[in-house]
């Protein structure tokens, strides 16, 4: 949620935010996704293989989309990253019964 909030703030304040602030928010998100996908897809992870594969694919999208934003910065491009982060965070909050 923290990464989503940071990206949302950058999107909301796009015109007044600096490139350094935008880059910092995207870098934080990229680091978070690197940790998530590395942990989730490791051999020690007990996640089913299909979930590991889906997370790896989603992480690749996040990384490629981040590069797209950096090469052609537009605030509307942040929407998908914000949405993905919020949905993943919400899913992690749900405890299976």
PDB file of N, CA and C in Angstrom:
ATOM      1  N   UNK A   1       0.823  -1.184   0.000  1.00  0.00           N
ATOM      2  CA  UNK A   1       0.000   0.000   0.000  1.00  0.00           C
ATOM      3  C   UNK A   1       0.878   1.263   0.000  1.00  0.00           C
ATOM      4  N   UNK A   2       2.023   1.172   0.649  1.00  0.00           N
ATOM      5  CA  UNK A   2       2.907   2.332   0.693  1.00  0.00           C
ATOM      6  C   UNK A   2       3.389   2.703  -0.716  1.00  0.00           C
ATOM      7  N   UNK A   3       3.753   1.709  -1.492  1.00  0.00           N
ATOM      8  CA  UNK A   3       4.209   1.975  -2.861  1.00  0.00           C
ATOM      9  C   UNK A   3       3.077   2.572  -3.689  1.00  0.00           C
ATOM     10  N   UNK A   4       1.867   2.023  -3.543  1.00  0.00           N
ATOM     11  CA  UNK A   4       0.712   2.547  -4.277  1.00  0.00           C
ATOM     12  C   UNK A   4       0.432   3.986  -3.871  1.00  0.00           C
ATOM     13  N   UNK A   5       0.532   4.277  -2.579  1.00  0.00           N
ATOM     14  CA  UNK A   5       0.282   5.638  -2.090  1.00  0.00           C
ATOM     15  C   UNK A   5       1.327   6.618  -2.632  1.00  0.00           C
ATOM     16  N   UNK A   6       2.568   6.180  -2.681  1.00  0.00           N
ATOM     17  CA  UNK A   6       3.624   7.050  -3.211  1.00  0.00           C
ATOM     18  C   UNK A   6       3.410   7.329  -4.701  1.00  0.00           C
ATOM     19  N   UNK A   7       3.055   6.295  -5.437  1.00  0.00           N
ATOM     20  CA  UNK A   7       2.792   6.486  -6.866  1.00  0.00           C
ATOM     21  C   UNK A   7       1.565   7.363  -7.089  1.00  0.00           C
ATOM     22  N   UNK A   8       0.534   7.188  -6.264  1.00  0.00           N
ATOM     23  CA  UNK A   8      -0.673   8.010  -6.377  1.00  0.00           C
ATOM     24  C   UNK A   8      -0.354   9.475  -6.109  1.00  0.00           C
ATOM     25  N   UNK A   9       0.473   9.739  -5.110  1.00  0.00           N
ATOM     26  CA  UNK A   9       0.866  11.111  -4.803  1.00  0.00           C
ATOM     27  C   UNK A   9       1.611  11.739  -5.979  1.00  0.00           C
ATOM     28  N   UNK A  10       2.522  10.980  -6.578  1.00  0.00           N
ATOM     29  CA  UNK A  10       3.256  11.489  -7.745  1.00  0.00           C
ATOM     30  C   UNK A  10       2.282  11.779  -8.883  1.00  0.00           C
ATOM     31  N   UNK A  11       1.343  10.872  -9.103  1.00  0.00           N
ATOM     32  CA  UNK A  11       0.357  11.077 -10.169  1.00  0.00           C
ATOM     33  C   UNK A  11      -0.479  12.328  -9.901  1.00  0.00           C
ATOM     34  N   UNK A  12      -0.939  12.468  -8.664  1.00  0.00           N
ATOM     35  CA  UNK A  12      -1.780  13.617  -8.304  1.00  0.00           C
ATOM     36  C   UNK A  12      -1.041  14.943  -8.381  1.00  0.00           C
ATOM     37  N   UNK A  13       0.267  14.913  -8.118  1.00  0.00           N
ATOM     38  CA  UNK A  13       1.060  16.143  -8.097  1.00  0.00           C
ATOM     39  C   UNK A  13       2.094  16.166  -9.238  1.00  0.00           C
ATOM     40  N   UNK A  14       1.731  15.540 -10.344  1.00  0.00           N
ATOM     41  CA  UNK A  14       2.657  15.375 -11.470  1.00  0.00           C
ATOM     42  C   UNK A  14       3.293  16.685 -11.910  1.00  0.00           C
ATOM     43  N   UNK A  15       2.497  17.708 -12.059  1.00  0.00           N
ATOM     44  CA  UNK A  15       3.004  18.987 -12.590  1.00  0.00           C
ATOM     45  C   UNK A  15       4.005  19.658 -11.657  1.00  0.00           C
ATOM     46  N   UNK A  16       3.903  19.384 -10.369  1.00  0.00           N
ATOM     47  CA  UNK A  16       4.809  20.042  -9.424  1.00  0.00           C
ATOM     48  C   UNK A  16       5.888  19.107  -8.886  1.00  0.00           C
ATOM     49  N   UNK A  17       5.805  17.827  -9.209  1.00  0.00           N
ATOM     50  CA  UNK A  17       6.832  16.894  -8.729  1.00  0.00           C
ATOM     51  C   UNK A  17       8.043  16.932  -9.662  1.00  0.00           C
ATOM     52  N   UNK A  18       9.189  16.704  -9.080  1.00  0.00           N
ATOM     53  CA  UNK A  18      10.428  16.697  -9.865  1.00  0.00           C
ATOM     54  C   UNK A  18      10.664  15.308 -10.455  1.00  0.00           C
ATOM     55  N   UNK A  19      11.550  15.247 -11.434  1.00  0.00           N
ATOM     56  CA  UNK A  19      11.928  13.949 -11.993  1.00  0.00           C
ATOM     57  C   UNK A  19      12.511  13.064 -10.898  1.00  0.00           C
ATOM     58  N   UNK A  20      13.288  13.658 -10.000  1.00  0.00           N
ATOM     59  CA  UNK A  20      13.903  12.881  -8.914  1.00  0.00           C
ATOM     60  C   UNK A  20      12.833  12.256  -8.023  1.00  0.00           C
ATOM     61  N   UNK A  21      11.763  12.984  -7.727  1.00  0.00           N
ATOM     62  CA  UNK A  21      10.674  12.446  -6.904  1.00  0.00           C
ATOM     63  C   UNK A  21       9.941  11.322  -7.644  1.00  0.00           C
ATOM     64  N   UNK A  22       9.723  11.529  -8.919  1.00  0.00           N
ATOM     65  CA  UNK A  22       9.066  10.497  -9.729  1.00  0.00           C
ATOM     66  C   UNK A  22       9.938   9.246  -9.790  1.00  0.00           C
ATOM     67  N   UNK A  23      11.224   9.440 -10.038  1.00  0.00           N
ATOM     68  CA  UNK A  23      12.151   8.327 -10.122  1.00  0.00           C
ATOM     69  C   UNK A  23      12.244   7.586  -8.795  1.00  0.00           C
ATOM     70  N   UNK A  24      12.230   8.311  -7.696  1.00  0.00           N
ATOM     71  CA  UNK A  24      12.326   7.691  -6.369  1.00  0.00           C
ATOM     72  C   UNK A  24      11.113   6.811  -6.103  1.00  0.00           C
ATOM     73  N   UNK A  25       9.920   7.285  -6.442  1.00  0.00           N
ATOM     74  CA  UNK A  25       8.701   6.497  -6.237  1.00  0.00           C
ATOM     75  C   UNK A  25       8.716   5.244  -7.110  1.00  0.00           C
ATOM     76  N   UNK A  26       9.141   5.390  -8.350  1.00  0.00           N
ATOM     77  CA  UNK A  26       9.224   4.233  -9.251  1.00  0.00           C
ATOM     78  C   UNK A  26      10.310   3.258  -8.806  1.00  0.00           C
ATOM     79  N   UNK A  27      11.415   3.768  -8.316  1.00  0.00           N
ATOM     80  CA  UNK A  27      12.501   2.927  -7.831  1.00  0.00           C
ATOM     81  C   UNK A  27      12.060   2.136  -6.598  1.00  0.00           C
ATOM     82  N   UNK A  28      11.357   2.794  -5.695  1.00  0.00           N
ATOM     83  CA  UNK A  28      10.837   2.111  -4.505  1.00  0.00           C
ATOM     84  C   UNK A  28       9.910   0.972  -4.925  1.00  0.00           C
ATOM     85  N   UNK A  29       9.031   1.241  -5.872  1.00  0.00           N
ATOM     86  CA  UNK A  29       8.103   0.225  -6.348  1.00  0.00           C
ATOM     87  C   UNK A  29       8.853  -0.940  -7.002  1.00  0.00           C
ATOM     88  N   UNK A  30       9.850  -0.629  -7.794  1.00  0.00           N
ATOM     89  CA  UNK A  30      10.640  -1.663  -8.467  1.00  0.00           C
ATOM     90  C   UNK A  30      11.365  -2.534  -7.441  1.00  0.00           C
ATOM     91  N   UNK A  31      11.930  -1.921  -6.399  1.00  0.00           N
ATOM     92  CA  UNK A  31      12.609  -2.686  -5.351  1.00  0.00           C
ATOM     93  C   UNK A  31      11.622  -3.591  -4.619  1.00  0.00           C
ATOM     94  N   UNK A  32      10.458  -3.057  -4.312  1.00  0.00           N
ATOM     95  CA  UNK A  32       9.429  -3.851  -3.652  1.00  0.00           C
ATOM     96  C   UNK A  32       9.063  -5.071  -4.490  1.00  0.00           C
ATOM     97  N   UNK A  33       8.856  -4.863  -5.790  1.00  0.00           N
ATOM     98  CA  UNK A  33       8.500  -5.967  -6.683  1.00  0.00           C
ATOM     99  C   UNK A  33       9.643  -6.957  -6.842  1.00  0.00           C
ATOM    100  N   UNK A  34      10.868  -6.485  -6.810  1.00  0.00           N
ATOM    101  CA  UNK A  34      12.016  -7.381  -6.892  1.00  0.00           C
ATOM    102  C   UNK A  34      12.040  -8.312  -5.678  1.00  0.00           C
ATOM    103  N   UNK A  35      11.818  -7.756  -4.506  1.00  0.00           N
ATOM    104  CA  UNK A  35      11.783  -8.562  -3.282  1.00  0.00           C
ATOM    105  C   UNK A  35      10.616  -9.533  -3.319  1.00  0.00           C
ATOM    106  N   UNK A  36       9.442  -9.050  -3.701  1.00  0.00           N
ATOM    107  CA  UNK A  36       8.249  -9.893  -3.748  1.00  0.00           C
ATOM    108  C   UNK A  36       8.433 -11.069  -4.691  1.00  0.00           C
ATOM    109  N   UNK A  37       8.834 -10.798  -5.918  1.00  0.00           N
ATOM    110  CA  UNK A  37       8.929 -11.871  -6.916  1.00  0.00           C
ATOM    111  C   UNK A  37      10.084 -12.826  -6.596  1.00  0.00           C
ATOM    112  N   UNK A  38      11.162 -12.327  -6.056  1.00  0.00           N
ATOM    113  CA  UNK A  38      12.283 -13.189  -5.678  1.00  0.00           C
ATOM    114  C   UNK A  38      11.867 -14.150  -4.569  1.00  0.00           C
ATOM    115  N   UNK A  39      11.179 -13.626  -3.591  1.00  0.00           N
ATOM    116  CA  UNK A  39      10.724 -14.458  -2.479  1.00  0.00           C
ATOM    117  C   UNK A  39       9.650 -15.449  -2.923  1.00  0.00           C
ATOM    118  N   UNK A  40       8.679 -14.962  -3.673  1.00  0.00           N
ATOM    119  CA  UNK A  40       7.542 -15.800  -4.069  1.00  0.00           C
ATOM    120  C   UNK A  40       7.927 -16.909  -5.032  1.00  0.00           C
ATOM    121  N   UNK A  41       8.930 -16.683  -5.845  1.00  0.00           N
ATOM    122  CA  UNK A  41       9.286 -17.677  -6.862  1.00  0.00           C
ATOM    123  C   UNK A  41      10.487 -18.539  -6.480  1.00  0.00           C
ATOM    124  N   UNK A  42      11.011 -18.341  -5.284  1.00  0.00           N
ATOM    125  CA  UNK A  42      12.168 -19.134  -4.864  1.00  0.00           C
ATOM    126  C   UNK A  42      11.780 -20.599  -4.671  1.00  0.00           C
ATOM    127  N   UNK A  43      12.769 -21.455  -4.684  1.00  0.00           N
ATOM    128  CA  UNK A  43      12.525 -22.892  -4.475  1.00  0.00           C
ATOM    129  C   UNK A  43      11.965 -23.156  -3.081  1.00  0.00           C
ATOM    130  N   UNK A  44      12.272 -22.287  -2.132  1.00  0.00           N
ATOM    131  CA  UNK A  44      11.792 -22.460  -0.772  1.00  0.00           C
ATOM    132  C   UNK A  44      10.329 -22.035  -0.611  1.00  0.00           C
ATOM    133  N   UNK A  45       9.823 -21.292  -1.566  1.00  0.00           N
ATOM    134  CA  UNK A  45       8.433 -20.837  -1.491  1.00  0.00           C
ATOM    135  C   UNK A  45       7.480 -22.017  -1.616  1.00  0.00           C
ATOM    136  N   UNK A  46       6.461 -22.030  -0.780  1.00  0.00           N
ATOM    137  CA  UNK A  46       5.473 -23.105  -0.803  1.00  0.00           C
ATOM    138  C   UNK A  46       4.271 -22.778  -1.693  1.00  0.00           C
ATOM    139  N   UNK A  47       4.353 -21.676  -2.421  1.00  0.00           N
ATOM    140  CA  UNK A  47       3.260 -21.318  -3.322  1.00  0.00           C
ATOM    141  C   UNK A  47       3.151 -22.340  -4.453  1.00  0.00           C
ATOM    142  N   UNK A  48       1.939 -22.575  -4.929  1.00  0.00           N
ATOM    143  CA  UNK A  48       1.782 -23.457  -6.098  1.00  0.00           C
ATOM    144  C   UNK A  48       2.492 -22.854  -7.313  1.00  0.00           C
ATOM    145  N   UNK A  49       2.954 -23.716  -8.209  1.00  0.00           N
ATOM    146  CA  UNK A  49       3.728 -23.268  -9.364  1.00  0.00           C
ATOM    147  C   UNK A  49       2.960 -22.272 -10.227  1.00  0.00           C
ATOM    148  N   UNK A  50       1.650 -22.461 -10.387  1.00  0.00           N
ATOM    149  CA  UNK A  50       0.897 -21.532 -11.231  1.00  0.00           C
ATOM    150  C   UNK A  50       0.867 -20.127 -10.631  1.00  0.00           C
ATOM    151  N   UNK A  51       0.823 -20.020  -9.315  1.00  0.00           N
ATOM    152  CA  UNK A  51       0.864 -18.700  -8.676  1.00  0.00           C
ATOM    153  C   UNK A  51       2.251 -18.090  -8.823  1.00  0.00           C
ATOM    154  N   UNK A  52       3.282 -18.910  -8.672  1.00  0.00           N
ATOM    155  CA  UNK A  52       4.645 -18.420  -8.896  1.00  0.00           C
ATOM    156  C   UNK A  52       4.790 -17.876 -10.318  1.00  0.00           C
ATOM    157  N   UNK A  53       4.285 -18.620 -11.283  1.00  0.00           N
ATOM    158  CA  UNK A  53       4.367 -18.194 -12.688  1.00  0.00           C
ATOM    159  C   UNK A  53       3.601 -16.903 -12.924  1.00  0.00           C
ATOM    160  N   UNK A  54       2.417 -16.802 -12.343  1.00  0.00           N
ATOM    161  CA  UNK A  54       1.606 -15.590 -12.511  1.00  0.00           C
ATOM    162  C   UNK A  54       2.283 -14.376 -11.879  1.00  0.00           C
ATOM    163  N   UNK A  55       2.856 -14.552 -10.696  1.00  0.00           N
ATOM    164  CA  UNK A  55       3.566 -13.440 -10.054  1.00  0.00           C
ATOM    165  C   UNK A  55       4.785 -13.024 -10.862  1.00  0.00           C
ATOM    166  N   UNK A  56       5.491 -13.993 -11.421  1.00  0.00           N
ATOM    167  CA  UNK A  56       6.658 -13.668 -12.254  1.00  0.00           C
ATOM    168  C   UNK A  56       6.234 -12.881 -13.487  1.00  0.00           C
ATOM    169  N   UNK A  57       5.150 -13.280 -14.104  1.00  0.00           N
ATOM    170  CA  UNK A  57       4.635 -12.558 -15.282  1.00  0.00           C
ATOM    171  C   UNK A  57       4.197 -11.152 -14.910  1.00  0.00           C
ATOM    172  N   UNK A  58       3.525 -11.034 -13.791  1.00  0.00           N
ATOM    173  CA  UNK A  58       3.068  -9.722 -13.335  1.00  0.00           C
ATOM    174  C   UNK A  58       4.263  -8.821 -13.016  1.00  0.00           C
ATOM    175  N   UNK A  59       5.276  -9.383 -12.398  1.00  0.00           N
ATOM    176  CA  UNK A  59       6.479  -8.611 -12.093  1.00  0.00           C
ATOM    177  C   UNK A  59       7.163  -8.133 -13.374  1.00  0.00           C
ATOM    178  N   UNK A  60       7.212  -8.986 -14.386  1.00  0.00           N
ATOM    179  CA  UNK A  60       7.810  -8.577 -15.660  1.00  0.00           C
ATOM    180  C   UNK A  60       7.030  -7.400 -16.261  1.00  0.00           C
ATOM    181  N   UNK A  61       5.694  -7.458 -16.171  1.00  0.00           N
ATOM    182  CA  UNK A  61       4.894  -6.337 -16.646  1.00  0.00           C
ATOM    183  C   UNK A  61       5.242  -5.071 -15.865  1.00  0.00           C
ATOM    184  N   UNK A  62       5.315  -5.185 -14.543  1.00  0.00           N
ATOM    185  CA  UNK A  62       5.630  -4.021 -13.702  1.00  0.00           C
ATOM    186  C   UNK A  62       6.979  -3.435 -14.101  1.00  0.00           C
ATOM    187  N   UNK A  63       7.986  -4.286 -14.281  1.00  0.00           N
ATOM    188  CA  UNK A  63       9.321  -3.794 -14.642  1.00  0.00           C
ATOM    189  C   UNK A  63       9.320  -3.131 -16.023  1.00  0.00           C
ATOM    190  N   UNK A  64       8.687  -3.757 -16.994  1.00  0.00           N
ATOM    191  CA  UNK A  64       8.629  -3.181 -18.349  1.00  0.00           C
ATOM    192  C   UNK A  64       7.822  -1.886 -18.361  1.00  0.00           C
ATOM    193  N   UNK A  65       6.730  -1.867 -17.638  1.00  0.00           N
ATOM    194  CA  UNK A  65       5.886  -0.665 -17.600  1.00  0.00           C
ATOM    195  C   UNK A  65       6.623   0.482 -16.903  1.00  0.00           C
ATOM    196  N   UNK A  66       7.384   0.147 -15.875  1.00  0.00           N
ATOM    197  CA  UNK A  66       8.187   1.165 -15.195  1.00  0.00           C
ATOM    198  C   UNK A  66       9.186   1.782 -16.159  1.00  0.00           C
ATOM    199  N   UNK A  67       9.835   0.951 -16.970  1.00  0.00           N
ATOM    200  CA  UNK A  67      10.785   1.474 -17.958  1.00  0.00           C
ATOM    201  C   UNK A  67      10.076   2.345 -18.985  1.00  0.00           C
ATOM    202  N   UNK A  68       8.858   1.966 -19.341  1.00  0.00           N
ATOM    203  CA  UNK A  68       8.068   2.765 -20.276  1.00  0.00           C
ATOM    204  C   UNK A  68       7.763   4.143 -19.695  1.00  0.00           C
ATOM    205  N   UNK A  69       7.456   4.174 -18.415  1.00  0.00           N
ATOM    206  CA  UNK A  69       7.174   5.458 -17.756  1.00  0.00           C
ATOM    207  C   UNK A  69       8.432   6.313 -17.722  1.00  0.00           C
ATOM    208  N   UNK A  70       9.554   5.694 -17.417  1.00  0.00           N
ATOM    209  CA  UNK A  70      10.804   6.453 -17.345  1.00  0.00           C
ATOM    210  C   UNK A  70      11.216   6.991 -18.716  1.00  0.00           C
ATOM    211  N   UNK A  71      10.947   6.231 -19.768  1.00  0.00           N
ATOM    212  CA  UNK A  71      11.345   6.682 -21.102  1.00  0.00           C
ATOM    213  C   UNK A  71      10.351   7.668 -21.711  1.00  0.00           C
ATOM    214  N   UNK A  72       9.103   7.618 -21.281  1.00  0.00           N
ATOM    215  CA  UNK A  72       8.066   8.530 -21.790  1.00  0.00           C
ATOM    216  C   UNK A  72       7.123   8.874 -20.638  1.00  0.00           C
ATOM    217  N   UNK A  73       7.583   9.762 -19.745  1.00  0.00           N
ATOM    218  CA  UNK A  73       6.824  10.043 -18.530  1.00  0.00           C
ATOM    219  C   UNK A  73       5.462  10.706 -18.790  1.00  0.00           C
ATOM    220  N   UNK A  74       4.418  10.057 -18.286  1.00  0.00           N
ATOM    221  CA  UNK A  74       3.059  10.592 -18.344  1.00  0.00           C
ATOM    222  C   UNK A  74       2.334  10.114 -17.097  1.00  0.00           C
ATOM    223  N   UNK A  75       1.623  10.993 -16.418  1.00  0.00           N
ATOM    224  CA  UNK A  75       0.986  10.596 -15.155  1.00  0.00           C
ATOM    225  C   UNK A  75      -0.029   9.471 -15.303  1.00  0.00           C
ATOM    226  N   UNK A  76      -0.743   9.432 -16.413  1.00  0.00           N
ATOM    227  CA  UNK A  76      -1.770   8.397 -16.587  1.00  0.00           C
ATOM    228  C   UNK A  76      -1.166   6.991 -16.661  1.00  0.00           C
ATOM    229  N   UNK A  77       0.117   6.900 -16.986  1.00  0.00           N
ATOM    230  CA  UNK A  77       0.774   5.597 -17.042  1.00  0.00           C
ATOM    231  C   UNK A  77       0.933   4.965 -15.658  1.00  0.00           C
ATOM    232  N   UNK A  78       0.850   5.785 -14.617  1.00  0.00           N
ATOM    233  CA  UNK A  78       0.988   5.269 -13.256  1.00  0.00           C
ATOM    234  C   UNK A  78      -0.247   4.503 -12.797  1.00  0.00           C
ATOM    235  N   UNK A  79      -1.373   4.717 -13.444  1.00  0.00           N
ATOM    236  CA  UNK A  79      -2.637   4.120 -13.017  1.00  0.00           C
ATOM    237  C   UNK A  79      -2.561   2.607 -12.887  1.00  0.00           C
ATOM    238  N   UNK A  80      -1.984   1.937 -13.871  1.00  0.00           N
ATOM    239  CA  UNK A  80      -1.939   0.473 -13.817  1.00  0.00           C
ATOM    240  C   UNK A  80      -1.039  -0.020 -12.679  1.00  0.00           C
ATOM    241  N   UNK A  81       0.085   0.645 -12.435  1.00  0.00           N
ATOM    242  CA  UNK A  81       0.953   0.232 -11.330  1.00  0.00           C
ATOM    243  C   UNK A  81       0.259   0.425  -9.985  1.00  0.00           C
ATOM    244  N   UNK A  82      -0.443   1.540  -9.848  1.00  0.00           N
ATOM    245  CA  UNK A  82      -1.176   1.818  -8.612  1.00  0.00           C
ATOM    246  C   UNK A  82      -2.234   0.749  -8.387  1.00  0.00           C
ATOM    247  N   UNK A  83      -2.966   0.435  -9.420  1.00  0.00           N
ATOM    248  CA  UNK A  83      -4.035  -0.563  -9.326  1.00  0.00           C
ATOM    249  C   UNK A  83      -3.481  -1.950  -8.980  1.00  0.00           C
ATOM    250  N   UNK A  84      -2.414  -2.349  -9.643  1.00  0.00           N
ATOM    251  CA  UNK A  84      -1.799  -3.651  -9.367  1.00  0.00           C
ATOM    252  C   UNK A  84      -1.344  -3.712  -7.913  1.00  0.00           C
ATOM    253  N   UNK A  85      -0.650  -2.693  -7.459  1.00  0.00           N
ATOM    254  CA  UNK A  85      -0.154  -2.687  -6.082  1.00  0.00           C
ATOM    255  C   UNK A  85      -1.297  -2.756  -5.076  1.00  0.00           C
ATOM    256  N   UNK A  86      -2.331  -1.987  -5.308  1.00  0.00           N
ATOM    257  CA  UNK A  86      -3.472  -2.002  -4.384  1.00  0.00           C
ATOM    258  C   UNK A  86      -4.149  -3.373  -4.361  1.00  0.00           C
ATOM    259  N   UNK A  87      -4.319  -3.971  -5.522  1.00  0.00           N
ATOM    260  CA  UNK A  87      -4.974  -5.280  -5.591  1.00  0.00           C
ATOM    261  C   UNK A  87      -4.127  -6.378  -4.939  1.00  0.00           C
ATOM    262  N   UNK A  88      -2.838  -6.351  -5.169  1.00  0.00           N
ATOM    263  CA  UNK A  88      -1.956  -7.341  -4.534  1.00  0.00           C
ATOM    264  C   UNK A  88      -1.958  -7.135  -3.013  1.00  0.00           C
ATOM    265  N   UNK A  89      -1.848  -5.904  -2.576  1.00  0.00           N
ATOM    266  CA  UNK A  89      -1.854  -5.626  -1.132  1.00  0.00           C
ATOM    267  C   UNK A  89      -3.161  -6.077  -0.493  1.00  0.00           C
ATOM    268  N   UNK A  90      -4.265  -5.813  -1.161  1.00  0.00           N
ATOM    269  CA  UNK A  90      -5.556  -6.231  -0.631  1.00  0.00           C
ATOM    270  C   UNK A  90      -5.646  -7.761  -0.574  1.00  0.00           C
ATOM    271  N   UNK A  91      -5.148  -8.422  -1.582  1.00  0.00           N
ATOM    272  CA  UNK A  91      -5.138  -9.889  -1.579  1.00  0.00           C
ATOM    273  C   UNK A  91      -4.277 -10.466  -0.478  1.00  0.00           C
ATOM    274  N   UNK A  92      -3.176  -9.799  -0.158  1.00  0.00           N
ATOM    275  CA  UNK A  92      -2.306 -10.276   0.908  1.00  0.00           C
ATOM    276  C   UNK A  92      -2.914 -10.068   2.288  1.00  0.00           C
ATOM    277  N   UNK A  93      -3.819  -9.114   2.393  1.00  0.00           N
ATOM    278  CA  UNK A  93      -4.483  -8.856   3.667  1.00  0.00           C
ATOM    279  C   UNK A  93      -5.535  -9.909   4.012  1.00  0.00           C
ATOM    280  N   UNK A  94      -6.103 -10.523   2.996  1.00  0.00           N
ATOM    281  CA  UNK A  94      -7.149 -11.517   3.198  1.00  0.00           C
ATOM    282  C   UNK A  94      -6.529 -12.792   3.746  1.00  0.00           C
ATOM    283  N   UNK A  95      -7.072 -13.248   4.839  1.00  0.00           N
ATOM    284  CA  UNK A  95      -6.591 -14.488   5.468  1.00  0.00           C
ATOM    285  C   UNK A  95      -7.497 -15.641   5.074  1.00  0.00           C
ATOM    286  N   UNK A  96      -6.928 -16.702   4.510  1.00  0.00           N
ATOM    287  CA  UNK A  96      -7.769 -17.857   4.173  1.00  0.00           C
ATOM    288  C   UNK A  96      -8.358 -18.479   5.439  1.00  0.00           C
ATOM    289  N   UNK A  97      -9.561 -18.985   5.311  1.00  0.00           N
ATOM    290  CA  UNK A  97     -10.216 -19.583   6.472  1.00  0.00           C
ATOM    291  C   UNK A  97      -9.788 -21.005   6.677  1.00  0.00           C
TER     292      UNK A  97
END
